[in-house]
Amino acid sequence: MLEALAKFVDVLKATGWQTGFIALAAALFLYLSQAGFLPPLEPWMLQTGWAVALAFAALSAASLATACQNGVKAAWAWWQSRRARQAAERRFIDDIPTLTEHERRILGYLRHHRKRAFDTDMDGGYANTLLSKGYVRHVYGAQDVDSTRVPTHVVDYVWRIVNERPGDFPHDPQWSQERGHRSRVETHPWRIPWNLR
């Protein structure tokens, strides 16, 4: 008796498609019996057959309803994240006219050099306002981070808009002369020189 009950519980764990096919098989068996293709069934057998067919059809419907509910939840979450991303894009586009010279220069430098990732001081240097607005983000992982070389990257939607609107983010190189060298070196616009800290 306990073994039969355990097997029944295992059947209840079957997927919606499996229980649906069991219900369909039971209904087909009953139909073939009543149509004369199979020997006629006793009344108690008919009742049992219909009970099995209805029980497994209900299990299949419940399983498929759960799958549909999960699909609706996933679609709703995708739609909400899409709306949030579009709202963030609109906020950034509306904020472009108010960006400071340093903020524009930083994004222009990164666009010109095709560098979406860069390293900053822990406080962000001149990119600290871009960090606070969420346009660039520090990337922390399992590795040790030097406080003067924190990995940072431009978020997806900002990077796309910066590349679509190069006129708003011009590349305005700032040069520094290294002592003892004749060649000029372009400075990173997000770095605050040590003597200005």
C-alpha atoms as a PDB file:
ATOM      1  CA  MET A   1       0.000   0.000   0.000  1.00  0.00           C
ATOM      2  CA  LEU A   2       2.777   2.437   0.952  1.00  0.00           C
ATOM      3  CA  GLU A   3       4.689   1.563  -2.206  1.00  0.00           C
ATOM      4  CA  ALA A   4       1.640   2.314  -4.360  1.00  0.00           C
ATOM      5  CA  LEU A   5       1.188   5.631  -2.536  1.00  0.00           C
ATOM      6  CA  ALA A   6       4.833   6.527  -3.129  1.00  0.00           C
ATOM      7  CA  LYS A   7       4.457   5.752  -6.842  1.00  0.00           C
ATOM      8  CA  PHE A   8       1.328   7.932  -6.969  1.00  0.00           C
ATOM      9  CA  VAL A   9       3.245  10.814  -5.349  1.00  0.00           C
ATOM     10  CA  ASP A  10       5.993  10.356  -7.969  1.00  0.00           C
ATOM     11  CA  VAL A  11       3.349  10.567 -10.706  1.00  0.00           C
ATOM     12  CA  LEU A  12       2.136  13.867  -9.209  1.00  0.00           C
ATOM     13  CA  LYS A  13       5.676  15.244  -9.709  1.00  0.00           C
ATOM     14  CA  ALA A  14       5.420  14.666 -13.468  1.00  0.00           C
ATOM     15  CA  THR A  15       5.526  17.660 -15.784  1.00  0.00           C
ATOM     16  CA  GLY A  16       2.454  19.219 -17.314  1.00  0.00           C
ATOM     17  CA  TRP A  17       3.132  17.637 -20.681  1.00  0.00           C
ATOM     18  CA  GLN A  18       3.493  14.167 -19.144  1.00  0.00           C
ATOM     19  CA  THR A  19       0.272  14.424 -17.139  1.00  0.00           C
ATOM     20  CA  GLY A  20      -1.468  15.880 -20.179  1.00  0.00           C
ATOM     21  CA  PHE A  21      -0.498  12.891 -22.302  1.00  0.00           C
ATOM     22  CA  ILE A  22      -1.617  10.505 -19.551  1.00  0.00           C
ATOM     23  CA  ALA A  23      -5.028  12.246 -19.482  1.00  0.00           C
ATOM     24  CA  LEU A  24      -5.189  12.093 -23.282  1.00  0.00           C
ATOM     25  CA  ALA A  25      -4.262   8.379 -23.268  1.00  0.00           C
ATOM     26  CA  ALA A  26      -6.964   7.602 -20.671  1.00  0.00           C
ATOM     27  CA  ALA A  27      -9.581   9.528 -22.667  1.00  0.00           C
ATOM     28  CA  LEU A  28      -8.515   7.764 -25.893  1.00  0.00           C
ATOM     29  CA  PHE A  29      -8.756   4.368 -24.149  1.00  0.00           C
ATOM     30  CA  LEU A  30     -12.284   5.156 -22.965  1.00  0.00           C
ATOM     31  CA  TYR A  31     -13.306   6.375 -26.431  1.00  0.00           C
ATOM     32  CA  LEU A  32     -11.926   3.265 -28.168  1.00  0.00           C
ATOM     33  CA  SER A  33     -13.746   1.081 -25.650  1.00  0.00           C
ATOM     34  CA  GLN A  34     -17.090   2.834 -26.207  1.00  0.00           C
ATOM     35  CA  ALA A  35     -16.603   2.885 -30.006  1.00  0.00           C
ATOM     36  CA  GLY A  36     -16.204  -0.900 -30.033  1.00  0.00           C
ATOM     37  CA  PHE A  37     -12.546  -1.079 -30.989  1.00  0.00           C
ATOM     38  CA  LEU A  38     -11.765  -2.498 -27.519  1.00  0.00           C
ATOM     39  CA  PRO A  39     -13.838  -4.852 -25.354  1.00  0.00           C
ATOM     40  CA  PRO A  40     -16.588  -3.066 -23.394  1.00  0.00           C
ATOM     41  CA  LEU A  41     -15.711  -1.963 -19.884  1.00  0.00           C
ATOM     42  CA  GLU A  42     -17.589  -2.572 -16.660  1.00  0.00           C
ATOM     43  CA  PRO A  43     -19.306   0.536 -15.189  1.00  0.00           C
ATOM     44  CA  TRP A  44     -16.765   0.809 -12.350  1.00  0.00           C
ATOM     45  CA  MET A  45     -13.943   0.680 -14.922  1.00  0.00           C
ATOM     46  CA  LEU A  46     -15.555   3.528 -16.884  1.00  0.00           C
ATOM     47  CA  GLN A  47     -15.845   5.639 -13.740  1.00  0.00           C
ATOM     48  CA  THR A  48     -12.236   4.912 -12.800  1.00  0.00           C
ATOM     49  CA  GLY A  49     -11.057   5.737 -16.332  1.00  0.00           C
ATOM     50  CA  TRP A  50     -12.904   9.058 -16.358  1.00  0.00           C
ATOM     51  CA  ALA A  51     -11.600   9.878 -12.874  1.00  0.00           C
ATOM     52  CA  VAL A  52      -8.017   9.192 -13.995  1.00  0.00           C
ATOM     53  CA  ALA A  53      -8.477  11.251 -17.173  1.00  0.00           C
ATOM     54  CA  LEU A  54      -9.969  14.207 -15.273  1.00  0.00           C
ATOM     55  CA  ALA A  55      -7.388  14.064 -12.460  1.00  0.00           C
ATOM     56  CA  PHE A  56      -4.438  14.077 -14.856  1.00  0.00           C
ATOM     57  CA  ALA A  57      -6.061  16.760 -17.012  1.00  0.00           C
ATOM     58  CA  ALA A  58      -6.386  18.926 -13.883  1.00  0.00           C
ATOM     59  CA  LEU A  59      -2.741  18.276 -12.944  1.00  0.00           C
ATOM     60  CA  SER A  60      -1.656  19.163 -16.471  1.00  0.00           C
ATOM     61  CA  ALA A  61      -3.711  22.368 -16.445  1.00  0.00           C
ATOM     62  CA  ALA A  62      -2.257  23.369 -13.061  1.00  0.00           C
ATOM     63  CA  SER A  63       1.289  22.737 -14.278  1.00  0.00           C
ATOM     64  CA  LEU A  64       0.738  24.649 -17.506  1.00  0.00           C
ATOM     65  CA  ALA A  65      -0.903  27.496 -15.578  1.00  0.00           C
ATOM     66  CA  THR A  66       2.216  27.733 -13.393  1.00  0.00           C
ATOM     67  CA  ALA A  67       4.403  27.813 -16.507  1.00  0.00           C
ATOM     68  CA  CYS A  68       2.211  30.540 -18.005  1.00  0.00           C
ATOM     69  CA  GLN A  69       2.357  32.507 -14.755  1.00  0.00           C
ATOM     70  CA  ASN A  70       6.170  32.282 -14.735  1.00  0.00           C
ATOM     71  CA  GLY A  71       6.237  33.416 -18.361  1.00  0.00           C
ATOM     72  CA  VAL A  72       4.023  36.405 -17.565  1.00  0.00           C
ATOM     73  CA  LYS A  73       6.246  37.312 -14.591  1.00  0.00           C
ATOM     74  CA  ALA A  74       9.373  37.127 -16.776  1.00  0.00           C
ATOM     75  CA  ALA A  75       7.738  39.269 -19.472  1.00  0.00           C
ATOM     76  CA  TRP A  76       6.639  41.835 -16.853  1.00  0.00           C
ATOM     77  CA  ALA A  77      10.146  41.985 -15.352  1.00  0.00           C
ATOM     78  CA  TRP A  78      11.653  42.446 -18.843  1.00  0.00           C
ATOM     79  CA  TRP A  79       9.157  45.231 -19.638  1.00  0.00           C
ATOM     80  CA  GLN A  80       9.862  47.016 -16.339  1.00  0.00           C
ATOM     81  CA  SER A  81      13.651  46.822 -16.852  1.00  0.00           C
ATOM     82  CA  ARG A  82      13.198  48.133 -20.412  1.00  0.00           C
ATOM     83  CA  ARG A  83      11.144  51.084 -19.145  1.00  0.00           C
ATOM     84  CA  ALA A  84      13.725  51.795 -16.427  1.00  0.00           C
ATOM     85  CA  ARG A  85      16.531  51.715 -19.021  1.00  0.00           C
ATOM     86  CA  GLN A  86      14.597  54.059 -21.340  1.00  0.00           C
ATOM     87  CA  ALA A  87      13.948  56.457 -18.437  1.00  0.00           C
ATOM     88  CA  ALA A  88      17.671  56.407 -17.529  1.00  0.00           C
ATOM     89  CA  GLU A  89      18.565  57.131 -21.179  1.00  0.00           C
ATOM     90  CA  ARG A  90      16.138  60.087 -21.240  1.00  0.00           C
ATOM     91  CA  ARG A  91      17.611  61.445 -17.992  1.00  0.00           C
ATOM     92  CA  PHE A  92      21.137  61.234 -19.419  1.00  0.00           C
ATOM     93  CA  ILE A  93      20.121  62.919 -22.699  1.00  0.00           C
ATOM     94  CA  ASP A  94      18.362  65.678 -20.734  1.00  0.00           C
ATOM     95  CA  ASP A  95      21.480  66.045 -18.549  1.00  0.00           C
ATOM     96  CA  ILE A  96      23.935  66.425 -21.456  1.00  0.00           C
ATOM     97  CA  PRO A  97      23.582  70.242 -21.668  1.00  0.00           C
ATOM     98  CA  THR A  98      24.406  70.553 -17.963  1.00  0.00           C
ATOM     99  CA  LEU A  99      27.535  68.379 -17.988  1.00  0.00           C
ATOM    100  CA  THR A 100      30.707  70.167 -16.959  1.00  0.00           C
ATOM    101  CA  GLU A 101      33.715  70.615 -19.213  1.00  0.00           C
ATOM    102  CA  HIS A 102      35.593  67.893 -17.329  1.00  0.00           C
ATOM    103  CA  GLU A 103      32.693  65.447 -17.650  1.00  0.00           C
ATOM    104  CA  ARG A 104      32.436  66.064 -21.401  1.00  0.00           C
ATOM    105  CA  ARG A 105      36.199  65.835 -21.812  1.00  0.00           C
ATOM    106  CA  ILE A 106      36.314  62.515 -19.958  1.00  0.00           C
ATOM    107  CA  LEU A 107      33.560  60.966 -22.087  1.00  0.00           C
ATOM    108  CA  GLY A 108      35.075  62.465 -25.260  1.00  0.00           C
ATOM    109  CA  TYR A 109      38.503  61.027 -24.404  1.00  0.00           C
ATOM    110  CA  LEU A 110      37.028  57.580 -23.818  1.00  0.00           C
ATOM    111  CA  ARG A 111      34.987  57.728 -27.052  1.00  0.00           C
ATOM    112  CA  HIS A 112      38.001  58.895 -29.090  1.00  0.00           C
ATOM    113  CA  HIS A 113      40.271  56.165 -27.713  1.00  0.00           C
ATOM    114  CA  ARG A 114      37.481  53.537 -27.795  1.00  0.00           C
ATOM    115  CA  LYS A 115      38.090  52.767 -24.143  1.00  0.00           C
ATOM    116  CA  ARG A 116      34.932  51.915 -22.308  1.00  0.00           C
ATOM    117  CA  ALA A 117      36.855  50.740 -19.241  1.00  0.00           C
ATOM    118  CA  PHE A 118      39.477  52.781 -17.427  1.00  0.00           C
ATOM    119  CA  ASP A 119      41.011  53.037 -13.978  1.00  0.00           C
ATOM    120  CA  THR A 120      40.479  55.896 -11.553  1.00  0.00           C
ATOM    121  CA  ASP A 121      41.362  56.873  -8.036  1.00  0.00           C
ATOM    122  CA  MET A 122      39.025  55.496  -5.393  1.00  0.00           C
ATOM    123  CA  ASP A 123      37.214  58.866  -5.212  1.00  0.00           C
ATOM    124  CA  GLY A 124      36.892  59.009  -9.021  1.00  0.00           C
ATOM    125  CA  GLY A 125      38.994  62.141  -9.461  1.00  0.00           C
ATOM    126  CA  TYR A 126      37.315  64.489 -11.927  1.00  0.00           C
ATOM    127  CA  ALA A 127      34.937  61.614 -12.808  1.00  0.00           C
ATOM    128  CA  ASN A 128      33.405  61.674  -9.312  1.00  0.00           C
ATOM    129  CA  THR A 129      30.255  63.445 -10.524  1.00  0.00           C
ATOM    130  CA  LEU A 130      29.889  60.915 -13.346  1.00  0.00           C
ATOM    131  CA  LEU A 131      30.177  58.219 -10.675  1.00  0.00           C
ATOM    132  CA  SER A 132      27.600  59.869  -8.433  1.00  0.00           C
ATOM    133  CA  LYS A 133      25.127  60.173 -11.320  1.00  0.00           C
ATOM    134  CA  GLY A 134      25.623  56.498 -12.215  1.00  0.00           C
ATOM    135  CA  TYR A 135      27.011  57.198 -15.712  1.00  0.00           C
ATOM    136  CA  VAL A 136      30.238  55.370 -14.860  1.00  0.00           C
ATOM    137  CA  ARG A 137      30.676  52.678 -12.222  1.00  0.00           C
ATOM    138  CA  HIS A 138      33.503  51.137 -10.291  1.00  0.00           C
ATOM    139  CA  VAL A 139      33.908  47.435 -11.008  1.00  0.00           C
ATOM    140  CA  TYR A 140      34.781  45.446  -7.915  1.00  0.00           C
ATOM    141  CA  GLY A 141      35.678  41.793  -8.132  1.00  0.00           C
ATOM    142  CA  ALA A 142      37.579  39.254  -6.108  1.00  0.00           C
ATOM    143  CA  GLN A 143      40.916  40.875  -6.903  1.00  0.00           C
ATOM    144  CA  ASP A 144      42.727  43.321  -4.645  1.00  0.00           C
ATOM    145  CA  VAL A 145      42.221  46.902  -5.778  1.00  0.00           C
ATOM    146  CA  ASP A 146      44.866  49.607  -5.642  1.00  0.00           C
ATOM    147  CA  SER A 147      43.174  52.793  -4.406  1.00  0.00           C
ATOM    148  CA  THR A 148      44.750  54.742  -7.288  1.00  0.00           C
ATOM    149  CA  ARG A 149      43.764  52.229  -9.996  1.00  0.00           C
ATOM    150  CA  VAL A 150      40.142  51.223  -9.390  1.00  0.00           C
ATOM    151  CA  PRO A 151      38.599  49.566 -12.475  1.00  0.00           C
ATOM    152  CA  THR A 152      35.754  51.720 -13.785  1.00  0.00           C
ATOM    153  CA  HIS A 153      33.511  51.419 -16.825  1.00  0.00           C
ATOM    154  CA  VAL A 154      30.919  53.485 -18.687  1.00  0.00           C
ATOM    155  CA  VAL A 155      27.412  52.015 -18.372  1.00  0.00           C
ATOM    156  CA  ASP A 156      25.817  50.573 -21.510  1.00  0.00           C
ATOM    157  CA  TYR A 157      23.263  53.229 -22.385  1.00  0.00           C
ATOM    158  CA  VAL A 158      25.696  56.125 -21.734  1.00  0.00           C
ATOM    159  CA  TRP A 159      28.347  54.502 -23.939  1.00  0.00           C
ATOM    160  CA  ARG A 160      25.837  54.045 -26.764  1.00  0.00           C
ATOM    161  CA  ILE A 161      24.597  57.651 -26.564  1.00  0.00           C
ATOM    162  CA  VAL A 162      28.137  59.075 -26.325  1.00  0.00           C
ATOM    163  CA  ASN A 163      29.061  57.225 -29.533  1.00  0.00           C
ATOM    164  CA  GLU A 164      25.841  58.328 -31.262  1.00  0.00           C
ATOM    165  CA  ARG A 165      26.468  62.012 -30.390  1.00  0.00           C
ATOM    166  CA  PRO A 166      30.200  62.679 -30.813  1.00  0.00           C
ATOM    167  CA  GLY A 167      29.597  66.414 -31.222  1.00  0.00           C
ATOM    168  CA  ASP A 168      28.419  66.632 -27.614  1.00  0.00           C
ATOM    169  CA  PHE A 169      31.568  64.896 -26.368  1.00  0.00           C
ATOM    170  CA  PRO A 170      34.556  66.326 -28.269  1.00  0.00           C
ATOM    171  CA  HIS A 171      38.033  64.980 -27.821  1.00  0.00           C
ATOM    172  CA  ASP A 172      40.027  67.866 -26.364  1.00  0.00           C
ATOM    173  CA  PRO A 173      43.466  66.436 -25.543  1.00  0.00           C
ATOM    174  CA  GLN A 174      45.460  67.925 -22.693  1.00  0.00           C
ATOM    175  CA  TRP A 175      49.202  67.393 -22.954  1.00  0.00           C
ATOM    176  CA  SER A 176      51.890  67.157 -20.330  1.00  0.00           C
ATOM    177  CA  GLN A 177      55.633  67.233 -20.832  1.00  0.00           C
ATOM    178  CA  GLU A 178      57.454  64.480 -19.028  1.00  0.00           C
ATOM    179  CA  ARG A 179      60.737  65.603 -17.547  1.00  0.00           C
ATOM    180  CA  GLY A 180      63.707  64.525 -19.594  1.00  0.00           C
ATOM    181  CA  HIS A 181      61.577  63.562 -22.613  1.00  0.00           C
ATOM    182  CA  ARG A 182      60.783  65.574 -25.696  1.00  0.00           C
ATOM    183  CA  SER A 183      57.595  63.669 -26.511  1.00  0.00           C
ATOM    184  CA  ARG A 184      54.274  64.905 -25.226  1.00  0.00           C
ATOM    185  CA  VAL A 185      51.991  62.631 -23.211  1.00  0.00           C
ATOM    186  CA  GLU A 186      48.214  63.008 -23.264  1.00  0.00           C
ATOM    187  CA  THR A 187      46.905  63.191 -19.717  1.00  0.00           C
ATOM    188  CA  HIS A 188      43.911  61.224 -18.501  1.00  0.00           C
ATOM    189  CA  PRO A 189      41.186  63.835 -18.015  1.00  0.00           C
ATOM    190  CA  TRP A 190      39.756  62.103 -14.945  1.00  0.00           C
ATOM    191  CA  ARG A 191      43.039  62.214 -13.019  1.00  0.00           C
ATOM    192  CA  ILE A 192      43.525  65.108 -10.591  1.00  0.00           C
ATOM    193  CA  PRO A 193      47.226  66.063 -10.544  1.00  0.00           C
ATOM    194  CA  TRP A 194      48.945  65.328  -7.243  1.00  0.00           C
ATOM    195  CA  ASN A 195      49.786  68.986  -6.690  1.00  0.00           C
ATOM    196  CA  LEU A 196      46.086  69.983  -6.924  1.00  0.00           C
ATOM    197  CA  ARG A 197      44.863  67.471  -4.353  1.00  0.00           C
END
